[in-house]
Amino acid sequence: MILEVPAFESKYVSLETSAYDHYCGVPLSVTKGDYKKPVKLLFYSSRTKGYKVGDSIPGIDKYIEMSGDFATAFHRVMPESQDLARHARILKEIKMLNLVSLSSFLKKQPADSSTVSFPAYGSTDQDVFGGNLLEVMQFVINHTSFDPNDSLDQQLLALYKPLGIEPGGVYNPATAKKIDTALFRKVSLAIKMSNIDVMETPGKALQLLFRAFQPKGHINLETLVFQSVIGPIGQPATEALYPPINAVDGKPMNALNDYVVKMKKADLPPANAFWSVTLYDTKQGFFIPNRENKYSVGLNGGMKLDNEGGISIYVSSKKPANVHAENWLPTNKIDQGLSLQLRIYWPDLAKIKTWSFPKAEMIAAK
């Protein structure tokens, strides 16, 4: 597939890629000086038909080998929503992104028009672990490239081989090995919850976030599992950091309480592009529904700095008096876990090392 990418005038743009193995790549980013001119990217895997690795195609600027046949490639674009004219131009640039097949680009007949039958899957990872794990993994392994010199790749293949799952195999439910799916579900859920709990431990979470979202060969198993649980698609620390904002008392935040996050000018996140604070519920990881449709505070979602250049962000069911609406994250007064996520795009990693991460203070009820 060929992705046609226009030039962007946004302060921050990056392209992320990943496949079933959850390794991440960033082939384009403003941090690398990209997006100053239009480019065409060819994405392929070792099983791509109609393209010989190493061949040069007129009009293609960059060749990107993916580790899987089914992959994702998406852009993060800062919309500059507070500058309406610039925002409108950026929206037009986004619409210029165009994906075409190699055969269409070359004006040739497709090398193979066969269809692919995907295995069934549930709404959560636990549905797969507790259901048709072996069927799913046979499909995944057949459509993933494995490096004979990569220890994690080889360990995974070695674990599934006794279960009858090998590259090039065909899953047959009649002859498939029997596994304790209930146990797989139970263990996978325990691993999921233990990694979610890590996000409540600032030091540990930050340590893993600095190592997460890397290409194959640059990430260990602990970090790969962590990122697969919290969200397999993300950016390395050179592009963005997503540290949680925890309560001062270390207790889980709850919507029955109100909170405030205070930062002086010198305490603002060291971002070369922009930063934001976003509110989610802890159960589903969704935005908190509210009539104001307000879910984040920052350069895009809106914010008002005080006279000294600092900011106080309020998380509450009602907007406190004399607080700018831009600095308010609405909640519902119900027994619901809250998760505050700080996003720092193009972070200044040198300053991050000595920067004090903000915390949320509970506001005493009057």
Protein backbone atom coordinates (compact mmCIF):
# COMPACT_ATOMS: atom_id res chain seq x y z
CA MET A 1 0.00 0.00 0.00
CA ILE A 2 1.10 3.54 -0.73
CA LEU A 3 0.32 6.43 1.59
CA GLU A 4 0.41 9.89 0.02
CA VAL A 5 1.24 12.45 2.70
CA PRO A 6 0.92 16.22 2.20
CA ALA A 7 2.98 18.92 3.88
CA PHE A 8 1.52 20.07 7.22
CA GLU A 9 1.76 23.44 8.92
CA SER A 10 0.81 22.08 12.34
CA LYS A 11 3.19 22.46 15.25
CA TYR A 12 3.09 18.70 15.81
CA VAL A 13 2.47 15.82 13.38
CA SER A 14 3.72 12.24 13.47
CA LEU A 15 2.99 8.96 11.75
CA GLU A 16 2.82 5.81 13.86
CA THR A 17 2.84 2.22 12.64
CA SER A 18 2.29 -1.13 14.29
CA ALA A 19 1.18 -4.68 13.51
CA TYR A 20 -0.18 -7.62 15.50
CA ASP A 21 3.09 -7.91 17.43
CA HIS A 22 2.55 -4.44 18.96
CA TYR A 23 6.01 -3.13 18.14
CA CYS A 24 5.83 0.53 17.14
CA GLY A 25 7.56 2.65 14.53
CA VAL A 26 7.54 6.37 13.78
CA PRO A 27 8.60 6.73 10.14
CA LEU A 28 7.64 10.42 9.97
CA SER A 29 7.62 13.18 12.59
CA VAL A 30 8.12 16.92 12.86
CA THR A 31 10.79 16.08 15.44
CA LYS A 32 12.81 14.63 12.54
CA GLY A 33 12.15 17.55 10.23
CA ASP A 34 9.41 15.81 8.23
CA TYR A 35 6.16 17.21 6.78
CA LYS A 36 7.83 20.16 5.11
CA LYS A 37 6.99 18.74 1.69
CA PRO A 38 4.66 16.03 0.31
CA VAL A 39 5.97 12.44 0.31
CA LYS A 40 4.80 9.01 -0.82
CA LEU A 41 5.44 5.99 1.40
CA LEU A 42 5.30 2.34 0.34
CA PHE A 43 4.32 -0.12 3.10
CA TYR A 44 5.04 -3.80 2.55
CA SER A 45 5.72 -7.05 4.42
CA SER A 46 7.92 -10.00 3.55
CA ARG A 47 4.81 -11.67 2.11
CA THR A 48 3.65 -8.77 -0.07
CA LYS A 49 2.85 -9.90 -3.59
CA GLY A 50 3.72 -7.72 -6.55
CA TYR A 51 6.71 -6.07 -4.91
CA LYS A 52 10.28 -7.35 -4.72
CA VAL A 53 12.15 -6.09 -1.69
CA GLY A 54 14.83 -3.63 -2.74
CA ASP A 55 13.15 -2.60 -5.98
CA SER A 56 12.95 1.14 -6.61
CA ILE A 57 9.64 2.52 -7.86
CA PRO A 58 9.51 5.95 -9.53
CA GLY A 59 7.55 8.40 -7.40
CA ILE A 60 8.05 6.56 -4.09
CA ASP A 61 10.05 8.53 -1.52
CA LYS A 62 10.31 6.02 1.33
CA TYR A 63 9.97 2.24 1.73
CA ILE A 64 8.72 0.85 5.05
CA GLU A 65 8.75 -2.87 5.81
CA MET A 66 6.03 -3.89 8.26
CA SER A 67 6.36 -6.90 10.55
CA GLY A 68 2.84 -8.02 9.72
CA ASP A 69 0.50 -8.31 6.76
CA PHE A 70 -2.24 -6.48 8.67
CA ALA A 71 -1.01 -3.28 10.21
CA THR A 72 -2.06 0.16 11.28
CA ALA A 73 -0.56 3.47 10.24
CA PHE A 74 -2.09 6.66 11.54
CA HIS A 75 -1.27 10.30 12.02
CA ARG A 76 -1.38 12.39 15.16
CA VAL A 77 -2.01 15.95 14.05
CA MET A 78 -2.21 18.90 16.40
CA PRO A 79 -5.28 20.69 15.02
CA GLU A 80 -4.32 24.19 16.26
CA SER A 81 -8.00 24.53 17.18
CA GLN A 82 -7.52 27.86 18.94
CA ASP A 83 -6.40 29.45 15.64
CA LEU A 84 -9.50 29.02 13.47
CA ALA A 85 -7.89 29.97 10.16
CA ARG A 86 -4.92 27.69 10.70
CA HIS A 87 -7.23 24.97 11.97
CA ALA A 88 -9.26 25.12 8.75
CA ARG A 89 -6.11 24.80 6.64
CA ILE A 90 -4.92 21.81 8.67
CA LEU A 91 -8.28 20.07 8.20
CA LYS A 92 -7.84 20.46 4.43
CA GLU A 93 -4.33 19.02 4.70
CA ILE A 94 -5.67 16.02 6.64
CA LYS A 95 -8.16 15.34 3.85
CA MET A 96 -5.24 15.22 1.41
CA LEU A 97 -3.93 12.04 3.04
CA ASN A 98 -4.54 9.30 0.50
CA LEU A 99 -4.04 5.53 0.56
CA VAL A 100 -3.78 3.58 -2.68
CA SER A 101 -2.71 0.06 -3.56
CA LEU A 102 0.59 -0.52 -5.32
CA SER A 103 -1.21 -2.03 -8.31
CA SER A 104 -3.41 1.06 -8.66
CA PHE A 105 -0.38 3.32 -8.35
CA LEU A 106 1.39 1.37 -11.11
CA LYS A 107 -1.85 1.05 -13.11
CA LYS A 108 -1.55 -2.74 -13.12
CA GLN A 109 -3.85 -5.62 -12.27
CA PRO A 110 -3.61 -6.71 -8.60
CA ALA A 111 -1.15 -9.54 -8.00
CA ASP A 112 -3.73 -11.41 -5.92
CA SER A 113 -7.40 -10.64 -5.38
CA SER A 114 -8.01 -13.42 -2.85
CA THR A 115 -9.95 -12.64 0.33
CA VAL A 116 -8.93 -13.36 3.90
CA SER A 117 -11.13 -14.99 6.52
CA PHE A 118 -10.50 -13.52 9.95
CA PRO A 119 -11.17 -15.57 13.08
CA ALA A 120 -13.91 -14.46 15.44
CA TYR A 121 -12.97 -12.20 18.33
CA GLY A 122 -14.75 -10.68 21.30
CA SER A 123 -14.85 -7.18 22.71
CA THR A 124 -11.89 -7.69 25.07
CA ASP A 125 -8.57 -9.54 25.09
CA GLN A 126 -10.03 -11.81 27.77
CA ASP A 127 -12.71 -12.95 25.31
CA VAL A 128 -9.93 -14.27 23.09
CA PHE A 129 -7.89 -15.86 25.89
CA GLY A 130 -11.04 -17.48 27.25
CA GLY A 131 -12.38 -18.50 23.86
CA ASN A 132 -10.59 -19.23 20.60
CA LEU A 133 -7.01 -18.33 21.55
CA LEU A 134 -5.33 -21.01 19.42
CA GLU A 135 -7.37 -20.16 16.34
CA VAL A 136 -6.52 -16.48 16.70
CA MET A 137 -2.84 -17.12 17.33
CA GLN A 138 -2.57 -19.41 14.29
CA PHE A 139 -3.87 -16.53 12.18
CA VAL A 140 -1.58 -13.99 13.88
CA ILE A 141 1.52 -16.15 13.51
CA ASN A 142 0.77 -16.84 9.84
CA HIS A 143 0.63 -13.12 9.12
CA THR A 144 3.60 -11.97 11.21
CA SER A 145 7.32 -11.87 10.38
CA PHE A 146 9.59 -13.50 12.96
CA ASP A 147 13.29 -12.73 13.30
CA PRO A 148 15.41 -15.86 13.85
CA ASN A 149 17.85 -13.74 15.85
CA ASP A 150 15.24 -12.11 18.10
CA SER A 151 14.88 -13.93 21.43
CA LEU A 152 11.30 -12.79 22.11
CA ASP A 153 10.18 -13.90 18.66
CA GLN A 154 11.73 -17.32 19.11
CA GLN A 155 10.40 -17.76 22.66
CA LEU A 156 6.85 -17.07 21.48
CA LEU A 157 7.14 -19.61 18.66
CA ALA A 158 8.60 -22.16 21.07
CA LEU A 159 5.70 -21.69 23.49
CA TYR A 160 3.01 -22.22 20.86
CA LYS A 161 4.66 -25.08 18.99
CA PRO A 162 3.65 -27.77 21.56
CA LEU A 163 0.08 -26.47 21.19
CA GLY A 164 0.18 -27.20 17.47
CA ILE A 165 0.52 -23.56 16.38
CA GLU A 166 3.40 -22.97 13.94
CA PRO A 167 4.05 -20.61 11.00
CA GLY A 168 2.21 -21.80 7.92
CA GLY A 169 -0.10 -24.06 9.87
CA VAL A 170 -3.86 -24.42 9.44
CA TYR A 171 -6.14 -24.36 12.46
CA ASN A 172 -8.48 -27.35 12.62
CA PRO A 173 -10.90 -27.33 15.56
CA ALA A 174 -11.40 -31.07 15.25
CA THR A 175 -7.72 -31.86 15.85
CA ALA A 176 -6.65 -28.78 17.82
CA LYS A 177 -5.04 -29.19 21.23
CA LYS A 178 -7.34 -28.72 24.22
CA ILE A 179 -6.39 -25.95 26.63
CA ASP A 180 -7.92 -24.69 29.87
CA THR A 181 -9.53 -21.54 28.45
CA ALA A 182 -10.96 -20.55 31.83
CA LEU A 183 -7.46 -20.54 33.31
CA PHE A 184 -6.09 -18.56 30.36
CA ARG A 185 -8.84 -15.97 30.84
CA LYS A 186 -8.19 -15.76 34.58
CA VAL A 187 -4.43 -15.32 34.21
CA SER A 188 -4.76 -12.80 31.37
CA LEU A 189 -7.17 -10.72 33.46
CA ALA A 190 -4.80 -10.79 36.42
CA ILE A 191 -1.93 -9.61 34.20
CA LYS A 192 -4.14 -6.88 32.77
CA MET A 193 -5.17 -5.55 36.20
CA SER A 194 -1.62 -5.69 37.59
CA ASN A 195 -0.37 -3.56 34.70
CA ILE A 196 -3.24 -1.10 35.05
CA ASP A 197 -2.30 -0.77 38.72
CA VAL A 198 1.22 0.21 37.61
CA MET A 199 -0.27 3.42 36.21
CA GLU A 200 -1.09 4.39 39.81
CA THR A 201 2.59 4.10 40.71
CA PRO A 202 4.21 7.21 39.17
CA GLY A 203 7.84 6.11 39.35
CA LYS A 204 7.19 2.67 37.89
CA ALA A 205 4.78 3.96 35.25
CA LEU A 206 7.19 6.64 34.07
CA GLN A 207 10.04 4.14 33.92
CA LEU A 208 8.00 1.89 31.63
CA LEU A 209 6.67 4.79 29.54
CA PHE A 210 10.23 5.88 28.81
CA ARG A 211 10.91 2.39 27.42
CA ALA A 212 7.57 1.74 25.71
CA PHE A 213 6.39 1.98 22.09
CA GLN A 214 9.69 1.01 20.49
CA PRO A 215 10.58 -1.07 17.42
CA LYS A 216 11.49 -4.75 17.66
CA GLY A 217 14.84 -5.28 19.34
CA HIS A 218 14.51 -2.12 21.45
CA ILE A 219 11.99 -3.25 24.06
CA ASN A 220 11.89 -5.98 26.70
CA LEU A 221 9.04 -8.38 27.53
CA GLU A 222 7.86 -6.56 30.67
CA THR A 223 7.46 -3.29 28.77
CA LEU A 224 5.86 -4.95 25.76
CA VAL A 225 3.21 -6.55 27.97
CA PHE A 226 2.65 -3.25 29.80
CA GLN A 227 2.03 -1.28 26.61
CA SER A 228 -0.14 -4.06 25.18
CA VAL A 229 -2.41 -3.73 28.22
CA ILE A 230 -2.66 0.06 28.52
CA GLY A 231 -2.89 0.52 24.75
CA PRO A 232 -0.64 -1.13 22.16
CA ILE A 233 -0.39 1.95 19.95
CA GLY A 234 1.60 4.87 21.28
CA GLN A 235 4.71 6.90 20.76
CA PRO A 236 8.23 6.60 22.16
CA ALA A 237 9.35 9.14 24.74
CA THR A 238 11.18 11.16 22.08
CA GLU A 239 7.75 11.91 20.56
CA ALA A 240 5.36 11.95 23.51
CA LEU A 241 4.99 11.01 27.15
CA TYR A 242 1.72 9.98 28.80
CA PRO A 243 2.33 10.04 32.57
CA PRO A 244 -0.66 9.74 34.89
CA ILE A 245 -1.57 12.50 37.33
CA ASN A 246 -2.22 10.84 40.68
CA ALA A 247 -3.72 12.16 43.88
CA VAL A 248 -1.45 13.71 46.49
CA ASP A 249 -2.55 11.14 49.09
CA GLY A 250 -1.81 8.28 46.71
CA LYS A 251 -5.39 7.00 46.83
CA PRO A 252 -7.41 6.23 43.66
CA MET A 253 -9.35 9.26 42.44
CA ASN A 254 -13.16 9.05 42.57
CA ALA A 255 -15.86 11.24 41.03
CA LEU A 256 -17.55 11.56 44.45
CA ASN A 257 -14.72 13.97 45.25
CA ASP A 258 -13.48 17.15 43.57
CA TYR A 259 -9.82 17.79 42.73
CA VAL A 260 -7.51 20.53 41.55
CA VAL A 261 -4.18 20.28 39.73
CA LYS A 262 -2.03 23.37 40.31
CA MET A 263 1.04 24.27 38.27
CA LYS A 264 3.09 27.43 38.51
CA LYS A 265 4.69 28.82 35.34
CA ALA A 266 7.95 27.04 36.12
CA ASP A 267 6.04 23.80 36.71
CA LEU A 268 4.28 23.64 33.33
CA PRO A 269 5.08 20.51 31.29
CA PRO A 270 8.30 20.92 29.26
CA ALA A 271 6.80 20.40 25.80
CA ASN A 272 8.34 21.57 22.55
CA ALA A 273 4.96 21.18 20.81
CA PHE A 274 2.08 21.15 23.30
CA TRP A 275 0.65 19.43 26.37
CA SER A 276 -2.80 18.52 27.65
CA VAL A 277 -4.54 17.00 30.66
CA THR A 278 -7.34 14.59 29.76
CA LEU A 279 -9.93 12.96 32.02
CA TYR A 280 -11.14 9.34 31.68
CA ASP A 281 -13.07 6.82 33.73
CA THR A 282 -10.89 4.00 35.02
CA LYS A 283 -13.30 1.15 34.24
CA GLN A 284 -13.60 1.56 30.47
CA GLY A 285 -10.98 4.21 29.75
CA PHE A 286 -13.61 6.47 28.17
CA PHE A 287 -14.22 10.20 28.42
CA ILE A 288 -16.59 11.33 31.19
CA PRO A 289 -19.89 12.33 29.48
CA ASN A 290 -20.88 15.92 30.19
CA ARG A 291 -23.11 18.61 28.68
CA GLU A 292 -20.15 20.91 28.09
CA ASN A 293 -18.39 18.33 25.87
CA LYS A 294 -15.22 19.25 27.73
CA TYR A 295 -12.69 16.43 28.08
CA SER A 296 -9.24 18.02 28.17
CA VAL A 297 -7.38 21.15 29.18
CA GLY A 298 -4.54 22.41 27.02
CA LEU A 299 -3.64 24.30 23.91
CA ASN A 300 -6.21 22.41 21.81
CA GLY A 301 -9.00 21.83 24.33
CA GLY A 302 -8.62 25.34 25.66
CA MET A 303 -6.92 26.74 28.75
CA LYS A 304 -6.44 30.04 30.57
CA LEU A 305 -3.15 30.78 32.30
CA ASP A 306 -3.23 33.00 35.37
CA ASN A 307 -1.48 36.37 35.65
CA GLU A 308 1.76 34.67 36.72
CA GLY A 309 1.68 32.21 33.79
CA GLY A 310 0.57 29.21 35.83
CA ILE A 311 -2.68 27.25 35.78
CA SER A 312 -5.14 25.51 38.10
CA ILE A 313 -7.18 22.71 36.53
CA TYR A 314 -10.36 21.72 38.36
CA VAL A 315 -11.94 18.26 38.21
CA SER A 316 -15.43 18.57 39.67
CA SER A 317 -19.14 18.01 39.05
CA LYS A 318 -19.82 21.76 39.18
CA LYS A 319 -17.63 24.55 37.87
CA PRO A 320 -16.20 26.42 40.85
CA ALA A 321 -16.92 30.13 40.99
CA ASN A 322 -14.32 32.41 39.37
CA VAL A 323 -12.78 29.46 37.48
CA HIS A 324 -12.44 29.73 33.70
CA ALA A 325 -14.55 27.16 31.86
CA GLU A 326 -11.45 26.25 29.84
CA ASN A 327 -9.74 25.06 33.01
CA TRP A 328 -12.63 22.87 34.17
CA LEU A 329 -12.97 19.11 33.58
CA PRO A 330 -16.58 18.17 34.42
CA THR A 331 -17.45 14.93 36.24
CA ASN A 332 -20.64 13.27 37.43
CA LYS A 333 -21.21 13.01 41.18
CA ILE A 334 -21.27 9.20 41.16
CA ASP A 335 -19.08 6.45 42.56
CA GLN A 336 -16.76 6.27 39.55
CA GLY A 337 -12.99 5.91 39.31
CA LEU A 338 -11.19 8.80 37.61
CA SER A 339 -7.99 8.77 35.60
CA LEU A 340 -6.15 11.99 34.76
CA GLN A 341 -3.71 11.60 31.89
CA LEU A 342 -1.01 14.14 31.09
CA ARG A 343 0.12 14.15 27.46
CA ILE A 344 3.38 15.88 26.58
CA TYR A 345 4.07 16.06 22.85
CA TRP A 346 7.67 16.45 21.72
CA PRO A 347 8.91 16.58 25.32
CA ASP A 348 12.15 18.23 26.32
CA LEU A 349 13.74 15.07 27.70
CA ALA A 350 16.61 16.95 29.33
CA LYS A 351 14.18 19.04 31.40
CA ILE A 352 11.93 16.06 32.08
CA LYS A 353 14.72 14.46 34.13
CA THR A 354 14.49 17.18 36.79
CA TRP A 355 10.85 18.22 36.32
CA SER A 356 8.35 17.61 39.14
CA PHE A 357 5.24 15.90 37.82
CA PRO A 358 1.96 17.50 38.98
CA LYS A 359 -0.44 15.86 41.43
CA ALA A 360 -4.14 16.29 42.09
CA GLU A 361 -5.25 17.71 45.44
CA MET A 362 -8.64 16.75 46.84
CA ILE A 363 -10.84 19.76 47.48
CA ALA A 364 -12.53 19.59 50.87
CA ALA A 365 -16.33 19.65 50.72
CA LYS A 366 -17.91 22.81 52.10
